[in-house]
């Protein structure tokens, strides 16, 4: 099993962390990489972990975007129904 597969499984096994927690972890990894004090192997390992965290963050954002789009569609439908009902009542008067 490759190291990336092990890391992904370990991350999946952990309790889901919030988007904000993941973002903080990613920021710390980037800071450490930008400092340039890490050895090659450690730098590559941290980079890989950062990529994995970034994938999770993108997935979280996509999921949130889908939820917002679904709620917006429901809201628009509800508003449309209200407008139609209001128009029907005006026509009866």
Foldseek 3Di string as FASTA:
>chain_A
DDPLVVVVVVQVPDDDDDLVVLVVLLVVLVVVLVVVPDDPVVNVVSVSVSVVSVVVNVVVVVVVVVVVVVVVVVVVVVVVVVVVVVVVVVVVD
